[in-house]
Amino acid sequence: MAVPKSIKAGKISKPYGLRGSVHLILDPVAGEQIHEGDPLFIHIDGQRVPYFVEEWKRISDDQAIVRFEFIDDVALARSVSGCEVFLDPDRIQKSSAPSGKDRDLTGYGASDRNAGYLGRVTGVMEHDMNPVLLVDHKGKELMIPVAGEIIIRVNHRKKTILVDLPDGLIDL
C-alpha cells in the first residue's frame, strides 16, 4: 500500500495524564498548523492511521499535549508512544501552509547544544525534501537542516533557536 503524501508534525514521546492524552514533540512550524478537530496521522506498524484531535494544548514552541479521538486511556496512549505524527497537506489552508514567510527565522540567534552560539540566521533555503537555515557563522555560511532531530527549540519571543548539530557539521 502506498503511503499518502504528508508533512511530519512531530513525534509522540509519552502518555500524559490518565485520560489518554499524549505528550507530542513538535517539528518546527508544525504546531501553528494543528487545531482541535483536525486529523493527524499516527505512523503505526508501517501505516499512517488518521486520528482526530479532540484537545490541543501547546505548552511551548516545540511541545504540546494532545488528546486524540479513540485514544482514551493510558494503555492506548502508551501504545502510540514513540510513533511519528503527520499532517495531511490537503487539509492545511493555503494561508497557514508553511511558506518562506511563515518559516522566516531571519535574524534569530542560533546556538548549538554543545558548541554554544553559532551566529545569526540570514535566511531560509526552501527545498522540497527539507528546508535549510542559513547561519552566518564567523563569516562563513553554515547550513542547518530544519529537522525535528536537529532543531531542539525555537523561541519566537526571544528570537532564538537551539540546535543539536551532528558532529562535524560546523566544520563543513
N, C-alpha and C. Protein backbone atom coordinates (compact mmCIF):
# COMPACT_ATOMS: atom_id res chain seq x y z
N MET A 1 0.85 -1.19 0.00
CA MET A 1 0.00 0.00 0.00
C MET A 1 0.88 1.24 0.00
N ALA A 2 0.57 2.22 -0.82
CA ALA A 2 1.34 3.45 -0.90
C ALA A 2 1.05 4.33 0.31
N VAL A 3 2.10 4.93 0.83
CA VAL A 3 1.95 5.85 1.96
C VAL A 3 1.49 7.19 1.41
N PRO A 4 0.39 7.76 1.97
CA PRO A 4 -0.10 9.03 1.45
C PRO A 4 0.92 10.15 1.69
N LYS A 5 0.87 11.15 0.81
CA LYS A 5 1.75 12.31 0.95
C LYS A 5 1.37 13.03 2.24
N SER A 6 2.38 13.43 3.01
CA SER A 6 2.09 14.09 4.27
C SER A 6 3.29 14.91 4.72
N ILE A 7 3.06 15.71 5.76
CA ILE A 7 4.09 16.56 6.34
C ILE A 7 4.30 16.12 7.79
N LYS A 8 5.55 15.88 8.17
CA LYS A 8 5.82 15.43 9.54
C LYS A 8 5.49 16.55 10.51
N ALA A 9 4.70 16.21 11.53
CA ALA A 9 4.30 17.17 12.55
C ALA A 9 5.11 17.00 13.83
N GLY A 10 5.59 15.79 14.08
CA GLY A 10 6.35 15.55 15.30
C GLY A 10 6.35 14.10 15.69
N LYS A 11 6.59 13.88 16.99
CA LYS A 11 6.68 12.51 17.50
C LYS A 11 6.05 12.46 18.89
N ILE A 12 5.28 11.42 19.13
CA ILE A 12 4.66 11.23 20.44
C ILE A 12 5.72 10.69 21.38
N SER A 13 5.96 11.38 22.49
CA SER A 13 7.02 10.94 23.39
C SER A 13 6.51 10.01 24.49
N LYS A 14 5.35 10.33 25.08
CA LYS A 14 4.85 9.51 26.19
C LYS A 14 3.40 9.88 26.52
N PRO A 15 2.73 9.02 27.31
CA PRO A 15 1.39 9.36 27.76
C PRO A 15 1.44 10.56 28.71
N TYR A 16 0.33 11.27 28.80
CA TYR A 16 0.23 12.41 29.69
C TYR A 16 -1.11 12.31 30.41
N GLY A 17 -1.09 12.13 31.70
CA GLY A 17 -2.32 12.02 32.47
C GLY A 17 -2.96 10.64 32.34
N LEU A 18 -4.21 10.55 32.79
CA LEU A 18 -4.91 9.26 32.84
C LEU A 18 -6.01 9.12 31.79
N ARG A 19 -6.28 10.16 31.01
CA ARG A 19 -7.39 10.12 30.05
C ARG A 19 -6.96 9.80 28.63
N GLY A 20 -5.70 9.41 28.42
CA GLY A 20 -5.26 9.05 27.09
C GLY A 20 -4.55 10.16 26.34
N SER A 21 -4.32 11.28 26.98
CA SER A 21 -3.57 12.35 26.33
C SER A 21 -2.12 11.93 26.15
N VAL A 22 -1.46 12.55 25.18
CA VAL A 22 -0.05 12.25 24.92
C VAL A 22 0.76 13.54 24.86
N HIS A 23 2.04 13.39 25.15
CA HIS A 23 3.00 14.49 25.03
C HIS A 23 3.58 14.40 23.62
N LEU A 24 3.46 15.48 22.84
CA LEU A 24 3.91 15.49 21.45
C LEU A 24 5.06 16.48 21.30
N ILE A 25 6.20 15.97 20.79
CA ILE A 25 7.34 16.82 20.46
C ILE A 25 7.12 17.29 19.02
N LEU A 26 7.00 18.59 18.82
CA LEU A 26 6.64 19.16 17.52
C LEU A 26 7.86 19.44 16.66
N ASP A 27 7.72 19.22 15.36
CA ASP A 27 8.71 19.70 14.40
C ASP A 27 8.52 21.21 14.27
N PRO A 28 9.57 21.94 13.87
CA PRO A 28 9.43 23.39 13.74
C PRO A 28 8.27 23.76 12.83
N VAL A 29 7.50 24.74 13.23
CA VAL A 29 6.38 25.31 12.49
C VAL A 29 5.12 24.44 12.50
N ALA A 30 5.24 23.15 12.78
CA ALA A 30 4.08 22.26 12.71
C ALA A 30 2.98 22.66 13.70
N GLY A 31 3.36 23.12 14.88
CA GLY A 31 2.38 23.44 15.90
C GLY A 31 1.42 24.53 15.51
N GLU A 32 1.84 25.43 14.62
CA GLU A 32 0.97 26.51 14.17
C GLU A 32 -0.09 26.02 13.21
N GLN A 33 0.02 24.78 12.75
CA GLN A 33 -0.91 24.26 11.76
C GLN A 33 -1.86 23.21 12.32
N ILE A 34 -1.77 22.91 13.60
CA ILE A 34 -2.61 21.88 14.21
C ILE A 34 -3.68 22.57 15.06
N HIS A 35 -4.92 22.11 14.89
CA HIS A 35 -6.04 22.68 15.64
C HIS A 35 -6.97 21.55 16.07
N GLU A 36 -7.78 21.83 17.10
CA GLU A 36 -8.77 20.84 17.53
C GLU A 36 -9.69 20.53 16.35
N GLY A 37 -10.00 19.25 16.19
CA GLY A 37 -10.87 18.80 15.11
C GLY A 37 -10.10 18.36 13.86
N ASP A 38 -8.82 18.72 13.78
CA ASP A 38 -8.01 18.32 12.63
C ASP A 38 -7.63 16.84 12.72
N PRO A 39 -7.49 16.17 11.57
CA PRO A 39 -6.96 14.82 11.61
C PRO A 39 -5.43 14.86 11.58
N LEU A 40 -4.82 14.02 12.38
CA LEU A 40 -3.38 13.80 12.32
C LEU A 40 -3.19 12.32 12.04
N PHE A 41 -2.11 11.98 11.36
CA PHE A 41 -1.86 10.60 11.00
C PHE A 41 -0.73 10.06 11.86
N ILE A 42 -1.04 9.03 12.65
CA ILE A 42 -0.04 8.40 13.51
C ILE A 42 0.53 7.21 12.75
N HIS A 43 1.85 7.17 12.64
CA HIS A 43 2.54 6.10 11.91
C HIS A 43 2.64 4.87 12.83
N ILE A 44 1.77 3.89 12.57
CA ILE A 44 1.68 2.68 13.38
C ILE A 44 1.90 1.47 12.48
N ASP A 45 2.89 0.65 12.79
CA ASP A 45 3.18 -0.58 12.04
C ASP A 45 3.21 -0.36 10.53
N GLY A 46 3.92 0.69 10.09
CA GLY A 46 4.08 0.94 8.66
C GLY A 46 2.90 1.62 7.98
N GLN A 47 1.86 1.93 8.73
CA GLN A 47 0.67 2.59 8.18
C GLN A 47 0.46 3.93 8.87
N ARG A 48 -0.08 4.88 8.14
CA ARG A 48 -0.44 6.17 8.74
C ARG A 48 -1.93 6.16 9.01
N VAL A 49 -2.26 6.06 10.29
CA VAL A 49 -3.65 5.91 10.73
C VAL A 49 -4.19 7.27 11.17
N PRO A 50 -5.34 7.71 10.61
CA PRO A 50 -5.88 9.02 10.98
C PRO A 50 -6.59 9.00 12.34
N TYR A 51 -6.29 10.00 13.14
CA TYR A 51 -6.96 10.25 14.42
C TYR A 51 -7.29 11.72 14.48
N PHE A 52 -8.51 12.04 14.95
CA PHE A 52 -8.89 13.44 15.07
C PHE A 52 -8.45 13.99 16.42
N VAL A 53 -7.99 15.24 16.42
CA VAL A 53 -7.54 15.91 17.64
C VAL A 53 -8.78 16.38 18.40
N GLU A 54 -8.96 15.85 19.62
CA GLU A 54 -10.09 16.28 20.46
C GLU A 54 -9.70 17.47 21.33
N GLU A 55 -8.49 17.42 21.88
CA GLU A 55 -7.99 18.53 22.70
C GLU A 55 -6.56 18.81 22.30
N TRP A 56 -6.20 20.09 22.28
CA TRP A 56 -4.88 20.53 21.85
C TRP A 56 -4.43 21.64 22.79
N LYS A 57 -3.31 21.42 23.47
CA LYS A 57 -2.76 22.45 24.34
C LYS A 57 -1.27 22.56 24.06
N ARG A 58 -0.87 23.65 23.46
CA ARG A 58 0.55 23.89 23.17
C ARG A 58 1.20 24.40 24.45
N ILE A 59 2.26 23.71 24.90
CA ILE A 59 2.90 24.09 26.15
C ILE A 59 4.22 24.84 25.93
N SER A 60 4.76 24.79 24.72
CA SER A 60 5.93 25.57 24.35
C SER A 60 6.02 25.58 22.83
N ASP A 61 7.06 26.20 22.29
CA ASP A 61 7.21 26.27 20.84
C ASP A 61 7.33 24.89 20.21
N ASP A 62 7.89 23.93 20.96
CA ASP A 62 8.15 22.62 20.36
C ASP A 62 7.47 21.46 21.09
N GLN A 63 6.47 21.76 21.94
CA GLN A 63 5.79 20.70 22.67
C GLN A 63 4.30 21.00 22.81
N ALA A 64 3.51 19.93 22.85
CA ALA A 64 2.07 20.08 23.04
C ALA A 64 1.54 18.84 23.76
N ILE A 65 0.40 19.03 24.39
CA ILE A 65 -0.35 17.91 24.97
C ILE A 65 -1.57 17.73 24.08
N VAL A 66 -1.77 16.50 23.59
CA VAL A 66 -2.84 16.23 22.63
C VAL A 66 -3.67 15.05 23.12
N ARG A 67 -4.99 15.18 22.95
CA ARG A 67 -5.88 14.04 23.18
C ARG A 67 -6.56 13.74 21.87
N PHE A 68 -6.38 12.50 21.42
CA PHE A 68 -6.95 12.05 20.15
C PHE A 68 -8.26 11.30 20.39
N GLU A 69 -9.15 11.37 19.39
CA GLU A 69 -10.37 10.59 19.41
C GLU A 69 -9.98 9.10 19.43
N PHE A 70 -10.64 8.31 20.22
CA PHE A 70 -10.45 6.86 20.35
C PHE A 70 -9.19 6.46 21.13
N ILE A 71 -8.39 7.39 21.55
CA ILE A 71 -7.28 7.07 22.46
C ILE A 71 -7.68 7.68 23.79
N ASP A 72 -8.32 6.85 24.64
CA ASP A 72 -8.96 7.39 25.83
C ASP A 72 -8.50 6.78 27.15
N ASP A 73 -7.36 6.07 27.12
CA ASP A 73 -6.80 5.59 28.38
C ASP A 73 -5.28 5.50 28.27
N VAL A 74 -4.64 5.31 29.40
CA VAL A 74 -3.17 5.30 29.45
C VAL A 74 -2.58 4.18 28.60
N ALA A 75 -3.21 3.02 28.59
CA ALA A 75 -2.68 1.88 27.82
C ALA A 75 -2.65 2.20 26.32
N LEU A 76 -3.72 2.79 25.81
CA LEU A 76 -3.75 3.16 24.39
C LEU A 76 -2.74 4.28 24.10
N ALA A 77 -2.62 5.23 25.02
CA ALA A 77 -1.64 6.31 24.84
C ALA A 77 -0.22 5.74 24.83
N ARG A 78 0.03 4.78 25.69
CA ARG A 78 1.35 4.14 25.74
C ARG A 78 1.65 3.38 24.45
N SER A 79 0.61 2.80 23.84
CA SER A 79 0.80 2.01 22.62
C SER A 79 1.22 2.87 21.43
N VAL A 80 0.93 4.17 21.44
CA VAL A 80 1.35 5.05 20.35
C VAL A 80 2.58 5.88 20.70
N SER A 81 3.11 5.72 21.91
CA SER A 81 4.32 6.43 22.31
C SER A 81 5.47 6.02 21.41
N GLY A 82 6.25 6.99 20.97
CA GLY A 82 7.37 6.73 20.07
C GLY A 82 6.98 6.81 18.60
N CYS A 83 5.70 6.92 18.30
CA CYS A 83 5.24 6.98 16.91
C CYS A 83 5.35 8.40 16.36
N GLU A 84 5.69 8.50 15.08
CA GLU A 84 5.71 9.79 14.41
C GLU A 84 4.29 10.19 14.03
N VAL A 85 4.07 11.51 13.96
CA VAL A 85 2.76 12.05 13.64
C VAL A 85 2.89 12.95 12.41
N PHE A 86 1.90 12.86 11.50
CA PHE A 86 1.96 13.59 10.24
C PHE A 86 0.69 14.40 10.02
N LEU A 87 0.84 15.51 9.27
CA LEU A 87 -0.28 16.36 8.84
C LEU A 87 -0.66 15.98 7.42
N ASP A 88 -1.91 16.15 7.07
CA ASP A 88 -2.37 15.96 5.69
C ASP A 88 -2.23 17.30 4.99
N PRO A 89 -1.35 17.42 3.99
CA PRO A 89 -1.14 18.71 3.34
C PRO A 89 -2.38 19.24 2.62
N ASP A 90 -3.30 18.37 2.22
CA ASP A 90 -4.51 18.80 1.53
C ASP A 90 -5.49 19.50 2.45
N ARG A 91 -5.40 19.25 3.76
CA ARG A 91 -6.33 19.87 4.71
C ARG A 91 -5.80 21.18 5.28
N ILE A 92 -4.56 21.51 5.00
CA ILE A 92 -3.99 22.75 5.51
C ILE A 92 -4.44 23.88 4.60
N GLN A 93 -4.99 24.92 5.21
CA GLN A 93 -5.44 26.06 4.43
C GLN A 93 -4.22 26.76 3.84
N LYS A 94 -4.39 27.31 2.67
CA LYS A 94 -3.27 27.98 2.00
C LYS A 94 -2.65 29.04 2.88
N SER A 95 -3.45 29.76 3.63
CA SER A 95 -2.91 30.82 4.46
C SER A 95 -2.05 30.30 5.59
N SER A 96 -2.28 29.05 6.02
CA SER A 96 -1.49 28.52 7.13
C SER A 96 -0.44 27.52 6.68
N ALA A 97 -0.32 27.30 5.38
CA ALA A 97 0.69 26.37 4.89
C ALA A 97 2.07 26.95 5.11
N PRO A 98 3.06 26.10 5.41
CA PRO A 98 4.38 26.63 5.66
C PRO A 98 4.95 27.26 4.40
N SER A 99 5.26 28.51 4.48
CA SER A 99 5.85 29.19 3.34
C SER A 99 7.12 29.86 3.84
N GLY A 100 7.83 30.48 2.94
CA GLY A 100 9.04 31.18 3.33
C GLY A 100 8.73 32.22 4.39
N LYS A 101 7.60 32.90 4.28
CA LYS A 101 7.23 33.94 5.24
C LYS A 101 6.98 33.33 6.61
N ASP A 102 6.22 32.21 6.66
CA ASP A 102 5.92 31.57 7.93
C ASP A 102 7.17 30.99 8.58
N ARG A 103 8.08 30.53 7.77
CA ARG A 103 9.29 29.92 8.29
C ARG A 103 10.40 30.96 8.45
N ASP A 104 10.10 32.23 8.26
CA ASP A 104 11.15 33.24 8.26
C ASP A 104 11.70 33.40 9.67
N LEU A 105 12.87 32.84 9.86
CA LEU A 105 13.56 32.93 11.13
C LEU A 105 14.78 33.84 11.00
N THR A 106 14.79 34.65 9.94
CA THR A 106 15.90 35.57 9.70
C THR A 106 16.08 36.49 10.90
N GLY A 107 17.31 36.61 11.34
CA GLY A 107 17.63 37.46 12.49
C GLY A 107 17.65 36.72 13.81
N TYR A 108 17.14 35.50 13.84
CA TYR A 108 17.16 34.73 15.08
C TYR A 108 18.60 34.32 15.39
N GLY A 109 18.92 34.24 16.66
CA GLY A 109 20.24 33.77 17.08
C GLY A 109 20.22 32.26 17.18
N ALA A 110 21.18 31.59 16.55
CA ALA A 110 21.25 30.13 16.57
C ALA A 110 22.37 29.68 17.50
N SER A 111 22.05 28.73 18.37
CA SER A 111 23.04 28.15 19.29
C SER A 111 22.96 26.64 19.23
N ASP A 112 24.13 26.01 19.35
CA ASP A 112 24.20 24.55 19.38
C ASP A 112 24.28 24.12 20.83
N ARG A 113 23.67 22.99 21.13
CA ARG A 113 23.64 22.45 22.49
C ARG A 113 25.07 22.28 23.04
N ASN A 114 26.02 21.86 22.20
CA ASN A 114 27.39 21.61 22.65
C ASN A 114 28.36 22.74 22.31
N ALA A 115 28.25 23.30 21.10
CA ALA A 115 29.21 24.30 20.64
C ALA A 115 28.89 25.72 21.09
N GLY A 116 27.69 25.96 21.58
CA GLY A 116 27.30 27.30 22.01
C GLY A 116 26.78 28.14 20.86
N TYR A 117 26.96 29.45 20.98
CA TYR A 117 26.42 30.39 19.99
C TYR A 117 27.07 30.18 18.63
N LEU A 118 26.25 30.05 17.59
CA LEU A 118 26.74 29.83 16.23
C LEU A 118 26.72 31.11 15.40
N GLY A 119 25.67 31.91 15.55
CA GLY A 119 25.53 33.12 14.76
C GLY A 119 24.08 33.44 14.48
N ARG A 120 23.86 34.41 13.61
CA ARG A 120 22.51 34.85 13.24
C ARG A 120 22.04 34.14 11.99
N VAL A 121 20.74 33.81 11.97
CA VAL A 121 20.13 33.23 10.79
C VAL A 121 20.00 34.34 9.74
N THR A 122 20.54 34.09 8.55
CA THR A 122 20.49 35.09 7.48
C THR A 122 19.39 34.80 6.47
N GLY A 123 18.81 33.60 6.55
CA GLY A 123 17.74 33.25 5.64
C GLY A 123 17.36 31.79 5.74
N VAL A 124 16.36 31.41 4.97
CA VAL A 124 15.91 30.03 4.91
C VAL A 124 15.89 29.62 3.45
N MET A 125 16.57 28.52 3.13
CA MET A 125 16.58 28.00 1.76
C MET A 125 15.50 26.92 1.70
N GLU A 126 14.43 27.21 0.95
CA GLU A 126 13.35 26.24 0.81
C GLU A 126 13.80 25.11 -0.10
N HIS A 127 13.42 23.90 0.26
CA HIS A 127 13.77 22.72 -0.53
C HIS A 127 12.61 21.74 -0.38
N ASP A 128 12.29 21.00 -1.44
CA ASP A 128 11.17 20.06 -1.41
C ASP A 128 11.28 19.07 -0.27
N MET A 129 12.47 18.52 -0.06
CA MET A 129 12.65 17.48 0.96
C MET A 129 12.78 18.07 2.36
N ASN A 130 13.51 19.17 2.50
CA ASN A 130 13.76 19.72 3.82
C ASN A 130 14.32 21.13 3.70
N PRO A 131 13.69 22.13 4.31
CA PRO A 131 14.26 23.47 4.28
C PRO A 131 15.56 23.51 5.09
N VAL A 132 16.40 24.51 4.80
CA VAL A 132 17.69 24.64 5.45
C VAL A 132 17.83 26.07 5.97
N LEU A 133 18.25 26.21 7.23
CA LEU A 133 18.56 27.53 7.78
C LEU A 133 19.95 27.93 7.34
N LEU A 134 20.12 29.17 6.93
CA LEU A 134 21.42 29.70 6.57
C LEU A 134 21.88 30.58 7.74
N VAL A 135 23.03 30.24 8.32
CA VAL A 135 23.53 30.94 9.50
C VAL A 135 24.90 31.52 9.20
N ASP A 136 25.09 32.79 9.56
CA ASP A 136 26.40 33.42 9.42
C ASP A 136 27.23 33.00 10.64
N HIS A 137 28.14 32.07 10.41
CA HIS A 137 28.98 31.52 11.49
C HIS A 137 30.42 31.97 11.27
N LYS A 138 30.82 33.01 11.99
CA LYS A 138 32.19 33.54 11.91
C LYS A 138 32.56 33.89 10.47
N GLY A 139 31.62 34.54 9.75
CA GLY A 139 31.88 34.96 8.38
C GLY A 139 31.69 33.88 7.33
N LYS A 140 31.34 32.67 7.76
CA LYS A 140 31.10 31.55 6.86
C LYS A 140 29.61 31.21 6.88
N GLU A 141 29.08 30.71 5.75
CA GLU A 141 27.68 30.32 5.72
C GLU A 141 27.55 28.87 6.20
N LEU A 142 26.81 28.69 7.28
CA LEU A 142 26.55 27.36 7.84
C LEU A 142 25.12 26.98 7.46
N MET A 143 24.93 25.77 6.94
CA MET A 143 23.60 25.31 6.54
C MET A 143 23.11 24.28 7.54
N ILE A 144 21.96 24.58 8.17
CA ILE A 144 21.40 23.70 9.20
C ILE A 144 20.05 23.18 8.71
N PRO A 145 19.91 21.87 8.53
CA PRO A 145 18.62 21.32 8.11
C PRO A 145 17.53 21.58 9.16
N VAL A 146 16.35 21.95 8.69
CA VAL A 146 15.22 22.14 9.59
C VAL A 146 14.58 20.78 9.75
N ALA A 147 15.04 20.04 10.77
CA ALA A 147 14.56 18.69 11.03
C ALA A 147 14.35 18.53 12.52
N GLY A 148 13.34 17.75 12.90
CA GLY A 148 12.98 17.56 14.30
C GLY A 148 14.11 17.03 15.15
N GLU A 149 15.00 16.22 14.58
CA GLU A 149 16.08 15.67 15.37
C GLU A 149 17.24 16.66 15.52
N ILE A 150 17.24 17.75 14.76
CA ILE A 150 18.31 18.76 14.84
C ILE A 150 17.84 20.01 15.57
N ILE A 151 16.66 20.50 15.21
CA ILE A 151 16.11 21.70 15.86
C ILE A 151 15.48 21.26 17.18
N ILE A 152 16.05 21.71 18.28
CA ILE A 152 15.53 21.32 19.60
C ILE A 152 14.41 22.26 20.03
N ARG A 153 14.65 23.56 19.85
CA ARG A 153 13.65 24.52 20.34
C ARG A 153 13.76 25.82 19.54
N VAL A 154 12.62 26.40 19.22
CA VAL A 154 12.56 27.73 18.62
C VAL A 154 11.76 28.59 19.58
N ASN A 155 12.38 29.66 20.06
CA ASN A 155 11.69 30.58 20.96
C ASN A 155 11.42 31.86 20.17
N HIS A 156 10.17 32.02 19.72
CA HIS A 156 9.82 33.18 18.89
C HIS A 156 9.85 34.47 19.70
N ARG A 157 9.56 34.40 20.98
CA ARG A 157 9.56 35.59 21.81
C ARG A 157 10.98 36.15 21.96
N LYS A 158 11.95 35.26 22.21
CA LYS A 158 13.35 35.69 22.38
C LYS A 158 14.12 35.69 21.06
N LYS A 159 13.48 35.17 20.00
CA LYS A 159 14.10 35.05 18.67
C LYS A 159 15.41 34.26 18.75
N THR A 160 15.30 33.07 19.34
CA THR A 160 16.45 32.18 19.44
C THR A 160 16.08 30.79 18.95
N ILE A 161 17.10 30.07 18.48
CA ILE A 161 16.94 28.70 18.02
C ILE A 161 18.02 27.88 18.68
N LEU A 162 17.63 26.76 19.30
CA LEU A 162 18.59 25.84 19.89
C LEU A 162 18.63 24.59 19.03
N VAL A 163 19.83 24.19 18.62
CA VAL A 163 20.00 23.03 17.74
C VAL A 163 20.95 22.02 18.38
N ASP A 164 20.89 20.80 17.91
CA ASP A 164 21.82 19.75 18.29
C ASP A 164 22.42 19.22 16.99
N LEU A 165 23.52 19.84 16.56
CA LEU A 165 24.12 19.50 15.28
C LEU A 165 24.90 18.21 15.34
N PRO A 166 24.85 17.43 14.26
CA PRO A 166 25.69 16.23 14.19
C PRO A 166 27.16 16.62 14.21
N ASP A 167 28.00 15.75 14.73
CA ASP A 167 29.43 16.00 14.78
C ASP A 167 29.97 16.31 13.39
N GLY A 168 30.78 17.35 13.27
CA GLY A 168 31.43 17.68 12.02
C GLY A 168 30.66 18.65 11.13
N LEU A 169 29.37 18.90 11.39
CA LEU A 169 28.59 19.77 10.51
C LEU A 169 29.13 21.20 10.52
N ILE A 170 29.59 21.67 11.66
CA ILE A 170 30.12 23.03 11.77
C ILE A 170 31.39 23.18 10.94
N ASP A 171 32.17 22.11 10.82
CA ASP A 171 33.45 22.17 10.13
C ASP A 171 33.34 22.05 8.61
N LEU A 172 32.14 21.74 8.08
CA LEU A 172 31.99 21.60 6.62
C LEU A 172 32.17 22.92 5.90
